[in-house]
Amino acid sequence: MTYTYDDVFVVNSIDTVELERYEAQAISEVSKLGITDQDFIDRLSVNRTYMLACRSQYESDGMADKYKVYEKEYKQALNEAMIAANSSDGIHSGDTVWSVKVGRS
């Protein structure tokens, strides 16, 4: 495996072969996004692996909630990666990225 997975609730609910398969799929999917920053690639790959693992057992207690958490983190990392790619000098360690919904009052 390429990454370390610390969420024992998710990891202990599947076997190593499944986790390796989900990780390979996640890495493949993330590689197609065109992101070059390794930190974002790592975050996206780990979150996507968790999402795949949770999705495979979505009906189990707590997995739907876990899936939603990792999906939110994945979307946030993807958004930050897009902001970094579009900025002139990217996002640096210690920077804060805010996501604000704008609407009419």
PDB file of N, CA and C in Angstrom:
ATOM      1  N   MET A   1       0.839  -1.186   0.000  1.00  0.00           N
ATOM      2  CA  MET A   1       0.000   0.000   0.000  1.00  0.00           C
ATOM      3  C   MET A   1       0.877   1.239   0.000  1.00  0.00           C
ATOM      4  N   THR A   2       0.335   2.277  -0.578  1.00  0.00           N
ATOM      5  CA  THR A   2       1.054   3.537  -0.699  1.00  0.00           C
ATOM      6  C   THR A   2       0.859   4.417   0.528  1.00  0.00           C
ATOM      7  N   TYR A   3      -0.332   4.409   1.102  1.00  0.00           N
ATOM      8  CA  TYR A   3      -0.685   5.318   2.181  1.00  0.00           C
ATOM      9  C   TYR A   3      -0.962   4.570   3.478  1.00  0.00           C
ATOM     10  N   THR A   4      -0.992   5.335   4.562  1.00  0.00           N
ATOM     11  CA  THR A   4      -1.348   4.823   5.872  1.00  0.00           C
ATOM     12  C   THR A   4      -2.778   5.255   6.172  1.00  0.00           C
ATOM     13  N   TYR A   5      -3.566   4.334   6.708  1.00  0.00           N
ATOM     14  CA  TYR A   5      -4.967   4.613   7.009  1.00  0.00           C
ATOM     15  C   TYR A   5      -5.182   4.458   8.508  1.00  0.00           C
ATOM     16  N   ASP A   6      -5.512   5.567   9.160  1.00  0.00           N
ATOM     17  CA  ASP A   6      -5.612   5.603  10.612  1.00  0.00           C
ATOM     18  C   ASP A   6      -7.018   5.390  11.154  1.00  0.00           C
ATOM     19  N   ASP A   7      -8.013   5.444  10.304  1.00  0.00           N
ATOM     20  CA  ASP A   7      -9.391   5.273  10.763  1.00  0.00           C
ATOM     21  C   ASP A   7      -9.674   3.781  10.919  1.00  0.00           C
ATOM     22  N   VAL A   8      -9.437   3.268  12.119  1.00  0.00           N
ATOM     23  CA  VAL A   8      -9.576   1.823  12.356  1.00  0.00           C
ATOM     24  C   VAL A   8     -11.013   1.350  12.197  1.00  0.00           C
ATOM     25  N   PHE A   9     -11.971   2.213  12.421  1.00  0.00           N
ATOM     26  CA  PHE A   9     -13.374   1.836  12.239  1.00  0.00           C
ATOM     27  C   PHE A   9     -13.619   1.380  10.808  1.00  0.00           C
ATOM     28  N   VAL A  10     -13.074   2.111   9.860  1.00  0.00           N
ATOM     29  CA  VAL A  10     -13.243   1.765   8.444  1.00  0.00           C
ATOM     30  C   VAL A  10     -12.286   0.644   8.050  1.00  0.00           C
ATOM     31  N   VAL A  11     -11.031   0.794   8.387  1.00  0.00           N
ATOM     32  CA  VAL A  11     -10.006  -0.155   7.947  1.00  0.00           C
ATOM     33  C   VAL A  11     -10.233  -1.556   8.512  1.00  0.00           C
ATOM     34  N   ASN A  12     -10.650  -1.650   9.751  1.00  0.00           N
ATOM     35  CA  ASN A  12     -10.854  -2.977  10.361  1.00  0.00           C
ATOM     36  C   ASN A  12     -12.119  -3.672   9.860  1.00  0.00           C
ATOM     37  N   SER A  13     -12.935  -2.944   9.125  1.00  0.00           N
ATOM     38  CA  SER A  13     -14.182  -3.537   8.634  1.00  0.00           C
ATOM     39  C   SER A  13     -14.014  -4.205   7.266  1.00  0.00           C
ATOM     40  N   ILE A  14     -12.827  -4.069   6.677  1.00  0.00           N
ATOM     41  CA  ILE A  14     -12.538  -4.723   5.398  1.00  0.00           C
ATOM     42  C   ILE A  14     -11.190  -5.428   5.494  1.00  0.00           C
ATOM     43  N   ASP A  15     -10.923  -6.329   4.551  1.00  0.00           N
ATOM     44  CA  ASP A  15      -9.625  -7.000   4.599  1.00  0.00           C
ATOM     45  C   ASP A  15      -8.593  -6.209   3.790  1.00  0.00           C
ATOM     46  N   THR A  16      -7.344  -6.578   3.945  1.00  0.00           N
ATOM     47  CA  THR A  16      -6.239  -5.858   3.328  1.00  0.00           C
ATOM     48  C   THR A  16      -6.337  -5.857   1.805  1.00  0.00           C
ATOM     49  N   VAL A  17      -6.779  -6.958   1.231  1.00  0.00           N
ATOM     50  CA  VAL A  17      -6.910  -7.045  -0.227  1.00  0.00           C
ATOM     51  C   VAL A  17      -7.922  -6.017  -0.734  1.00  0.00           C
ATOM     52  N   GLU A  18      -9.034  -5.891  -0.030  1.00  0.00           N
ATOM     53  CA  GLU A  18     -10.040  -4.892  -0.416  1.00  0.00           C
ATOM     54  C   GLU A  18      -9.471  -3.478  -0.301  1.00  0.00           C
ATOM     55  N   LEU A  19      -8.786  -3.209   0.803  1.00  0.00           N
ATOM     56  CA  LEU A  19      -8.214  -1.883   1.013  1.00  0.00           C
ATOM     57  C   LEU A  19      -7.218  -1.559  -0.098  1.00  0.00           C
ATOM     58  N   GLU A  20      -6.384  -2.517  -0.463  1.00  0.00           N
ATOM     59  CA  GLU A  20      -5.424  -2.305  -1.551  1.00  0.00           C
ATOM     60  C   GLU A  20      -6.137  -2.037  -2.874  1.00  0.00           C
ATOM     61  N   ARG A  21      -7.217  -2.744  -3.114  1.00  0.00           N
ATOM     62  CA  ARG A  21      -7.986  -2.543  -4.343  1.00  0.00           C
ATOM     63  C   ARG A  21      -8.619  -1.146  -4.362  1.00  0.00           C
ATOM     64  N   TYR A  22      -9.199  -0.732  -3.240  1.00  0.00           N
ATOM     65  CA  TYR A  22      -9.799   0.604  -3.153  1.00  0.00           C
ATOM     66  C   TYR A  22      -8.738   1.683  -3.317  1.00  0.00           C
ATOM     67  N   GLU A  23      -7.576   1.461  -2.712  1.00  0.00           N
ATOM     68  CA  GLU A  23      -6.506   2.430  -2.839  1.00  0.00           C
ATOM     69  C   GLU A  23      -6.046   2.560  -4.289  1.00  0.00           C
ATOM     70  N   ALA A  24      -5.876   1.453  -4.975  1.00  0.00           N
ATOM     71  CA  ALA A  24      -5.460   1.489  -6.382  1.00  0.00           C
ATOM     72  C   ALA A  24      -6.482   2.227  -7.234  1.00  0.00           C
ATOM     73  N   GLN A  25      -7.753   1.979  -6.975  1.00  0.00           N
ATOM     74  CA  GLN A  25      -8.815   2.666  -7.708  1.00  0.00           C
ATOM     75  C   GLN A  25      -8.785   4.162  -7.414  1.00  0.00           C
ATOM     76  N   ALA A  26      -8.619   4.515  -6.138  1.00  0.00           N
ATOM     77  CA  ALA A  26      -8.587   5.927  -5.740  1.00  0.00           C
ATOM     78  C   ALA A  26      -7.409   6.645  -6.387  1.00  0.00           C
ATOM     79  N   ILE A  27      -6.244   6.037  -6.360  1.00  0.00           N
ATOM     80  CA  ILE A  27      -5.061   6.649  -6.958  1.00  0.00           C
ATOM     81  C   ILE A  27      -5.281   6.851  -8.453  1.00  0.00           C
ATOM     82  N   SER A  28      -5.875   5.871  -9.101  1.00  0.00           N
ATOM     83  CA  SER A  28      -6.166   5.976 -10.531  1.00  0.00           C
ATOM     84  C   SER A  28      -7.134   7.120 -10.811  1.00  0.00           C
ATOM     85  N   GLU A  29      -8.188   7.221 -10.028  1.00  0.00           N
ATOM     86  CA  GLU A  29      -9.178   8.287 -10.213  1.00  0.00           C
ATOM     87  C   GLU A  29      -8.560   9.665  -9.993  1.00  0.00           C
ATOM     88  N   VAL A  30      -7.778   9.790  -8.935  1.00  0.00           N
ATOM     89  CA  VAL A  30      -7.168  11.082  -8.611  1.00  0.00           C
ATOM     90  C   VAL A  30      -6.143  11.469  -9.681  1.00  0.00           C
ATOM     91  N   SER A  31      -5.437  10.506 -10.232  1.00  0.00           N
ATOM     92  CA  SER A  31      -4.438  10.822 -11.252  1.00  0.00           C
ATOM     93  C   SER A  31      -5.073  11.428 -12.501  1.00  0.00           C
ATOM     94  N   LYS A  32      -6.333  11.146 -12.730  1.00  0.00           N
ATOM     95  CA  LYS A  32      -7.048  11.672 -13.898  1.00  0.00           C
ATOM     96  C   LYS A  32      -7.516  13.112 -13.703  1.00  0.00           C
ATOM     97  N   LEU A  33      -7.386  13.641 -12.489  1.00  0.00           N
ATOM     98  CA  LEU A  33      -7.836  14.999 -12.205  1.00  0.00           C
ATOM     99  C   LEU A  33      -6.857  16.059 -12.701  1.00  0.00           C
ATOM    100  N   GLY A  34      -5.635  15.662 -13.006  1.00  0.00           N
ATOM    101  CA  GLY A  34      -4.642  16.607 -13.500  1.00  0.00           C
ATOM    102  C   GLY A  34      -3.976  17.443 -12.425  1.00  0.00           C
ATOM    103  N   ILE A  35      -4.089  17.027 -11.189  1.00  0.00           N
ATOM    104  CA  ILE A  35      -3.479  17.757 -10.068  1.00  0.00           C
ATOM    105  C   ILE A  35      -2.026  17.325  -9.956  1.00  0.00           C
ATOM    106  N   THR A  36      -1.130  18.300  -9.791  1.00  0.00           N
ATOM    107  CA  THR A  36       0.297  17.988  -9.731  1.00  0.00           C
ATOM    108  C   THR A  36       0.901  18.154  -8.343  1.00  0.00           C
ATOM    109  N   ASP A  37       0.220  18.834  -7.444  1.00  0.00           N
ATOM    110  CA  ASP A  37       0.731  19.044  -6.085  1.00  0.00           C
ATOM    111  C   ASP A  37       0.580  17.745  -5.286  1.00  0.00           C
ATOM    112  N   GLN A  38       1.704  17.199  -4.856  1.00  0.00           N
ATOM    113  CA  GLN A  38       1.691  15.890  -4.188  1.00  0.00           C
ATOM    114  C   GLN A  38       0.880  15.884  -2.896  1.00  0.00           C
ATOM    115  N   ASP A  39       0.880  16.982  -2.162  1.00  0.00           N
ATOM    116  CA  ASP A  39       0.093  17.036  -0.925  1.00  0.00           C
ATOM    117  C   ASP A  39      -1.401  16.860  -1.215  1.00  0.00           C
ATOM    118  N   PHE A  40      -1.877  17.522  -2.251  1.00  0.00           N
ATOM    119  CA  PHE A  40      -3.285  17.379  -2.616  1.00  0.00           C
ATOM    120  C   PHE A  40      -3.568  15.984  -3.172  1.00  0.00           C
ATOM    121  N   ILE A  41      -2.657  15.460  -3.965  1.00  0.00           N
ATOM    122  CA  ILE A  41      -2.824  14.100  -4.492  1.00  0.00           C
ATOM    123  C   ILE A  41      -2.957  13.111  -3.344  1.00  0.00           C
ATOM    124  N   ASP A  42      -2.110  13.256  -2.336  1.00  0.00           N
ATOM    125  CA  ASP A  42      -2.149  12.352  -1.174  1.00  0.00           C
ATOM    126  C   ASP A  42      -3.473  12.479  -0.421  1.00  0.00           C
ATOM    127  N   ARG A  43      -3.880  13.712  -0.121  1.00  0.00           N
ATOM    128  CA  ARG A  43      -5.132  13.933   0.615  1.00  0.00           C
ATOM    129  C   ARG A  43      -6.329  13.376  -0.143  1.00  0.00           C
ATOM    130  N   LEU A  44      -6.380  13.669  -1.435  1.00  0.00           N
ATOM    131  CA  LEU A  44      -7.492  13.206  -2.251  1.00  0.00           C
ATOM    132  C   LEU A  44      -7.511  11.683  -2.352  1.00  0.00           C
ATOM    133  N   SER A  45      -6.350  11.087  -2.516  1.00  0.00           N
ATOM    134  CA  SER A  45      -6.277   9.626  -2.650  1.00  0.00           C
ATOM    135  C   SER A  45      -6.721   8.922  -1.377  1.00  0.00           C
ATOM    136  N   VAL A  46      -6.269   9.403  -0.240  1.00  0.00           N
ATOM    137  CA  VAL A  46      -6.648   8.784   1.035  1.00  0.00           C
ATOM    138  C   VAL A  46      -8.151   8.951   1.281  1.00  0.00           C
ATOM    139  N   ASN A  47      -8.655  10.163   1.071  1.00  0.00           N
ATOM    140  CA  ASN A  47     -10.089  10.384   1.280  1.00  0.00           C
ATOM    141  C   ASN A  47     -10.924   9.554   0.322  1.00  0.00           C
ATOM    142  N   ARG A  48     -10.490   9.454  -0.928  1.00  0.00           N
ATOM    143  CA  ARG A  48     -11.251   8.670  -1.910  1.00  0.00           C
ATOM    144  C   ARG A  48     -11.211   7.190  -1.544  1.00  0.00           C
ATOM    145  N   THR A  49     -10.092   6.707  -1.034  1.00  0.00           N
ATOM    146  CA  THR A  49      -9.995   5.311  -0.591  1.00  0.00           C
ATOM    147  C   THR A  49     -10.992   5.051   0.528  1.00  0.00           C
ATOM    148  N   TYR A  50     -11.036   5.948   1.502  1.00  0.00           N
ATOM    149  CA  TYR A  50     -12.009   5.814   2.590  1.00  0.00           C
ATOM    150  C   TYR A  50     -13.440   5.836   2.048  1.00  0.00           C
ATOM    151  N   MET A  51     -13.703   6.721   1.103  1.00  0.00           N
ATOM    152  CA  MET A  51     -15.045   6.799   0.528  1.00  0.00           C
ATOM    153  C   MET A  51     -15.433   5.477  -0.124  1.00  0.00           C
ATOM    154  N   LEU A  52     -14.524   4.897  -0.884  1.00  0.00           N
ATOM    155  CA  LEU A  52     -14.809   3.621  -1.545  1.00  0.00           C
ATOM    156  C   LEU A  52     -15.047   2.510  -0.526  1.00  0.00           C
ATOM    157  N   ALA A  53     -14.221   2.495   0.522  1.00  0.00           N
ATOM    158  CA  ALA A  53     -14.376   1.473   1.568  1.00  0.00           C
ATOM    159  C   ALA A  53     -15.705   1.636   2.292  1.00  0.00           C
ATOM    160  N   CYS A  54     -16.065   2.850   2.612  1.00  0.00           N
ATOM    161  CA  CYS A  54     -17.340   3.107   3.292  1.00  0.00           C
ATOM    162  C   CYS A  54     -18.514   2.790   2.390  1.00  0.00           C
ATOM    163  N   ARG A  55     -18.394   3.145   1.119  1.00  0.00           N
ATOM    164  CA  ARG A  55     -19.490   2.925   0.178  1.00  0.00           C
ATOM    165  C   ARG A  55     -19.780   1.436   0.010  1.00  0.00           C
ATOM    166  N   SER A  56     -18.744   0.623   0.101  1.00  0.00           N
ATOM    167  CA  SER A  56     -18.930  -0.816  -0.077  1.00  0.00           C
ATOM    168  C   SER A  56     -19.742  -1.440   1.049  1.00  0.00           C
ATOM    169  N   GLN A  57     -19.843  -0.758   2.161  1.00  0.00           N
ATOM    170  CA  GLN A  57     -20.592  -1.257   3.317  1.00  0.00           C
ATOM    171  C   GLN A  57     -21.471  -0.156   3.886  1.00  0.00           C
ATOM    172  N   TYR A  58     -22.062   0.584   2.986  1.00  0.00           N
ATOM    173  CA  TYR A  58     -22.856   1.767   3.325  1.00  0.00           C
ATOM    174  C   TYR A  58     -23.993   1.469   4.296  1.00  0.00           C
ATOM    175  N   GLU A  59     -24.538   0.280   4.216  1.00  0.00           N
ATOM    176  CA  GLU A  59     -25.681  -0.080   5.066  1.00  0.00           C
ATOM    177  C   GLU A  59     -25.262  -0.440   6.495  1.00  0.00           C
ATOM    178  N   SER A  60     -23.976  -0.658   6.718  1.00  0.00           N
ATOM    179  CA  SER A  60     -23.491  -0.992   8.064  1.00  0.00           C
ATOM    180  C   SER A  60     -23.588   0.231   8.969  1.00  0.00           C
ATOM    181  N   ASP A  61     -23.766  -0.015  10.263  1.00  0.00           N
ATOM    182  CA  ASP A  61     -23.881   1.078  11.226  1.00  0.00           C
ATOM    183  C   ASP A  61     -22.675   2.005  11.156  1.00  0.00           C
ATOM    184  N   GLY A  62     -22.949   3.262  10.972  1.00  0.00           N
ATOM    185  CA  GLY A  62     -21.916   4.277  11.008  1.00  0.00           C
ATOM    186  C   GLY A  62     -21.201   4.537   9.692  1.00  0.00           C
ATOM    187  N   MET A  63     -21.316   3.649   8.717  1.00  0.00           N
ATOM    188  CA  MET A  63     -20.569   3.825   7.470  1.00  0.00           C
ATOM    189  C   MET A  63     -21.122   4.966   6.615  1.00  0.00           C
ATOM    190  N   ALA A  64     -22.405   5.178   6.622  1.00  0.00           N
ATOM    191  CA  ALA A  64     -22.972   6.293   5.858  1.00  0.00           C
ATOM    192  C   ALA A  64     -22.451   7.617   6.412  1.00  0.00           C
ATOM    193  N   ASP A  65     -22.377   7.711   7.731  1.00  0.00           N
ATOM    194  CA  ASP A  65     -21.854   8.931   8.351  1.00  0.00           C
ATOM    195  C   ASP A  65     -20.379   9.125   8.029  1.00  0.00           C
ATOM    196  N   LYS A  66     -19.613   8.042   8.096  1.00  0.00           N
ATOM    197  CA  LYS A  66     -18.187   8.109   7.766  1.00  0.00           C
ATOM    198  C   LYS A  66     -18.009   8.525   6.310  1.00  0.00           C
ATOM    199  N   TYR A  67     -18.826   7.955   5.429  1.00  0.00           N
ATOM    200  CA  TYR A  67     -18.747   8.300   4.009  1.00  0.00           C
ATOM    201  C   TYR A  67     -18.953   9.798   3.812  1.00  0.00           C
ATOM    202  N   LYS A  68     -19.941  10.351   4.473  1.00  0.00           N
ATOM    203  CA  LYS A  68     -20.243  11.778   4.334  1.00  0.00           C
ATOM    204  C   LYS A  68     -19.081  12.646   4.816  1.00  0.00           C
ATOM    205  N   VAL A  69     -18.422  12.234   5.892  1.00  0.00           N
ATOM    206  CA  VAL A  69     -17.269  12.974   6.413  1.00  0.00           C
ATOM    207  C   VAL A  69     -16.141  12.974   5.390  1.00  0.00           C
ATOM    208  N   TYR A  70     -15.823  11.793   4.853  1.00  0.00           N
ATOM    209  CA  TYR A  70     -14.724  11.707   3.894  1.00  0.00           C
ATOM    210  C   TYR A  70     -15.068  12.361   2.564  1.00  0.00           C
ATOM    211  N   GLU A  71     -16.330  12.329   2.181  1.00  0.00           N
ATOM    212  CA  GLU A  71     -16.751  13.007   0.960  1.00  0.00           C
ATOM    213  C   GLU A  71     -16.568  14.521   1.118  1.00  0.00           C
ATOM    214  N   LYS A  72     -16.932  15.043   2.275  1.00  0.00           N
ATOM    215  CA  LYS A  72     -16.773  16.477   2.549  1.00  0.00           C
ATOM    216  C   LYS A  72     -15.290  16.858   2.511  1.00  0.00           C
ATOM    217  N   GLU A  73     -14.437  16.045   3.141  1.00  0.00           N
ATOM    218  CA  GLU A  73     -13.003  16.317   3.144  1.00  0.00           C
ATOM    219  C   GLU A  73     -12.418  16.238   1.732  1.00  0.00           C
ATOM    220  N   TYR A  74     -12.910  15.279   0.944  1.00  0.00           N
ATOM    221  CA  TYR A  74     -12.459  15.130  -0.437  1.00  0.00           C
ATOM    222  C   TYR A  74     -12.815  16.377  -1.250  1.00  0.00           C
ATOM    223  N   LYS A  75     -14.052  16.812  -1.137  1.00  0.00           N
ATOM    224  CA  LYS A  75     -14.503  17.993  -1.878  1.00  0.00           C
ATOM    225  C   LYS A  75     -13.721  19.235  -1.454  1.00  0.00           C
ATOM    226  N   GLN A  76     -13.440  19.354  -0.162  1.00  0.00           N
ATOM    227  CA  GLN A  76     -12.668  20.496   0.330  1.00  0.00           C
ATOM    228  C   GLN A  76     -11.254  20.463  -0.239  1.00  0.00           C
ATOM    229  N   ALA A  77     -10.613  19.301  -0.219  1.00  0.00           N
ATOM    230  CA  ALA A  77      -9.257  19.187  -0.753  1.00  0.00           C
ATOM    231  C   ALA A  77      -9.237  19.469  -2.253  1.00  0.00           C
ATOM    232  N   LEU A  78     -10.247  18.999  -2.967  1.00  0.00           N
ATOM    233  CA  LEU A  78     -10.330  19.257  -4.405  1.00  0.00           C
ATOM    234  C   LEU A  78     -10.512  20.751  -4.671  1.00  0.00           C
ATOM    235  N   ASN A  79     -11.353  21.396  -3.899  1.00  0.00           N
ATOM    236  CA  ASN A  79     -11.553  22.835  -4.035  1.00  0.00           C
ATOM    237  C   ASN A  79     -10.260  23.594  -3.761  1.00  0.00           C
ATOM    238  N   GLU A  80      -9.567  23.219  -2.705  1.00  0.00           N
ATOM    239  CA  GLU A  80      -8.300  23.876  -2.373  1.00  0.00           C
ATOM    240  C   GLU A  80      -7.261  23.655  -3.466  1.00  0.00           C
ATOM    241  N   ALA A  81      -7.239  22.450  -4.041  1.00  0.00           N
ATOM    242  CA  ALA A  81      -6.300  22.155  -5.127  1.00  0.00           C
ATOM    243  C   ALA A  81      -6.589  23.021  -6.344  1.00  0.00           C
ATOM    244  N   MET A  82      -7.870  23.234  -6.646  1.00  0.00           N
ATOM    245  CA  MET A  82      -8.239  24.078  -7.787  1.00  0.00           C
ATOM    246  C   MET A  82      -7.865  25.533  -7.528  1.00  0.00           C
ATOM    247  N   ILE A  83      -8.063  25.999  -6.302  1.00  0.00           N
ATOM    248  CA  ILE A  83      -7.680  27.369  -5.948  1.00  0.00           C
ATOM    249  C   ILE A  83      -6.170  27.526  -6.086  1.00  0.00           C
ATOM    250  N   ALA A  84      -5.430  26.551  -5.595  1.00  0.00           N
ATOM    251  CA  ALA A  84      -3.964  26.609  -5.673  1.00  0.00           C
ATOM    252  C   ALA A  84      -3.492  26.609  -7.120  1.00  0.00           C
ATOM    253  N   ALA A  85      -4.127  25.818  -7.957  1.00  0.00           N
ATOM    254  CA  ALA A  85      -3.737  25.737  -9.363  1.00  0.00           C
ATOM    255  C   ALA A  85      -4.025  27.041 -10.096  1.00  0.00           C
ATOM    256  N   ASN A  86      -5.050  27.756  -9.667  1.00  0.00           N
ATOM    257  CA  ASN A  86      -5.433  28.994 -10.332  1.00  0.00           C
ATOM    258  C   ASN A  86      -4.743  30.232  -9.772  1.00  0.00           C
ATOM    259  N   SER A  87      -4.110  30.106  -8.609  1.00  0.00           N
ATOM    260  CA  SER A  87      -3.441  31.267  -8.024  1.00  0.00           C
ATOM    261  C   SER A  87      -2.037  31.394  -8.610  1.00  0.00           C
ATOM    262  N   SER A  88      -1.493  32.565  -8.506  1.00  0.00           N
ATOM    263  CA  SER A  88      -0.188  32.812  -9.119  1.00  0.00           C
ATOM    264  C   SER A  88       0.943  32.080  -8.417  1.00  0.00           C
ATOM    265  N   ASP A  89       0.850  31.951  -7.107  1.00  0.00           N
ATOM    266  CA  ASP A  89       1.943  31.287  -6.405  1.00  0.00           C
ATOM    267  C   ASP A  89       1.478  30.121  -5.534  1.00  0.00           C
ATOM    268  N   GLY A  90       0.229  29.688  -5.677  1.00  0.00           N
ATOM    269  CA  GLY A  90      -0.265  28.500  -4.988  1.00  0.00           C
ATOM    270  C   GLY A  90      -0.524  28.699  -3.513  1.00  0.00           C
ATOM    271  N   ILE A  91      -0.921  27.643  -2.880  1.00  0.00           N
ATOM    272  CA  ILE A  91      -1.189  27.636  -1.450  1.00  0.00           C
ATOM    273  C   ILE A  91       0.057  27.125  -0.747  1.00  0.00           C
ATOM    274  N   HIS A  92       0.391  27.769   0.325  1.00  0.00           N
ATOM    275  CA  HIS A  92       1.565  27.389   1.092  1.00  0.00           C
ATOM    276  C   HIS A  92       1.150  26.869   2.457  1.00  0.00           C
ATOM    277  N   SER A  93       2.026  26.115   3.074  1.00  0.00           N
ATOM    278  CA  SER A  93       1.778  25.604   4.409  1.00  0.00           C
ATOM    279  C   SER A  93       1.461  26.774   5.333  1.00  0.00           C
ATOM    280  N   GLY A  94       0.406  26.640   6.095  1.00  0.00           N
ATOM    281  CA  GLY A  94       0.010  27.695   7.020  1.00  0.00           C
ATOM    282  C   GLY A  94      -1.033  28.645   6.451  1.00  0.00           C
ATOM    283  N   ASP A  95      -1.267  28.589   5.129  1.00  0.00           N
ATOM    284  CA  ASP A  95      -2.307  29.419   4.534  1.00  0.00           C
ATOM    285  C   ASP A  95      -3.677  28.935   4.991  1.00  0.00           C
ATOM    286  N   THR A  96      -4.637  29.824   5.010  1.00  0.00           N
ATOM    287  CA  THR A  96      -6.012  29.474   5.334  1.00  0.00           C
ATOM    288  C   THR A  96      -6.858  29.680   4.100  1.00  0.00           C
ATOM    289  N   VAL A  97      -7.652  28.689   3.782  1.00  0.00           N
ATOM    290  CA  VAL A  97      -8.542  28.785   2.633  1.00  0.00           C
ATOM    291  C   VAL A  97      -9.960  28.821   3.157  1.00  0.00           C
ATOM    292  N   TRP A  98     -10.707  29.831   2.734  1.00  0.00           N
ATOM    293  CA  TRP A  98     -12.086  29.977   3.187  1.00  0.00           C
ATOM    294  C   TRP A  98     -13.031  29.686   2.036  1.00  0.00           C
ATOM    295  N   SER A  99     -14.101  29.036   2.341  1.00  0.00           N
ATOM    296  CA  SER A  99     -15.150  28.783   1.371  1.00  0.00           C
ATOM    297  C   SER A  99     -16.408  29.460   1.890  1.00  0.00           C
ATOM    298  N   VAL A 100     -16.853  30.491   1.182  1.00  0.00           N
ATOM    299  CA  VAL A 100     -18.004  31.267   1.637  1.00  0.00           C
ATOM    300  C   VAL A 100     -19.087  31.202   0.571  1.00  0.00           C
ATOM    301  N   LYS A 101     -20.290  30.811   0.973  1.00  0.00           N
ATOM    302  CA  LYS A 101     -21.409  30.791   0.063  1.00  0.00           C
ATOM    303  C   LYS A 101     -21.972  32.199  -0.040  1.00  0.00           C
ATOM    304  N   VAL A 102     -22.101  32.678  -1.260  1.00  0.00           N
ATOM    305  CA  VAL A 102     -22.585  34.026  -1.488  1.00  0.00           C
ATOM    306  C   VAL A 102     -23.987  33.947  -2.088  1.00  0.00           C
ATOM    307  N   GLY A 103     -24.859  34.789  -1.597  1.00  0.00           N
ATOM    308  CA  GLY A 103     -26.222  34.820  -2.111  1.00  0.00           C
ATOM    309  C   GLY A 103     -26.809  36.207  -1.970  1.00  0.00           C
ATOM    310  N   ARG A 104     -27.958  36.393  -2.513  1.00  0.00           N
ATOM    311  CA  ARG A 104     -28.648  37.681  -2.401  1.00  0.00           C
ATOM    312  C   ARG A 104     -29.476  37.714  -1.141  1.00  0.00           C
ATOM    313  N   SER A 105     -29.567  38.895  -0.540  1.00  0.00           N
ATOM    314  CA  SER A 105     -30.392  39.025   0.661  1.00  0.00           C
ATOM    315  C   SER A 105     -31.708  39.661   0.339  1.00  0.00           C
TER     316      SER A 105
END
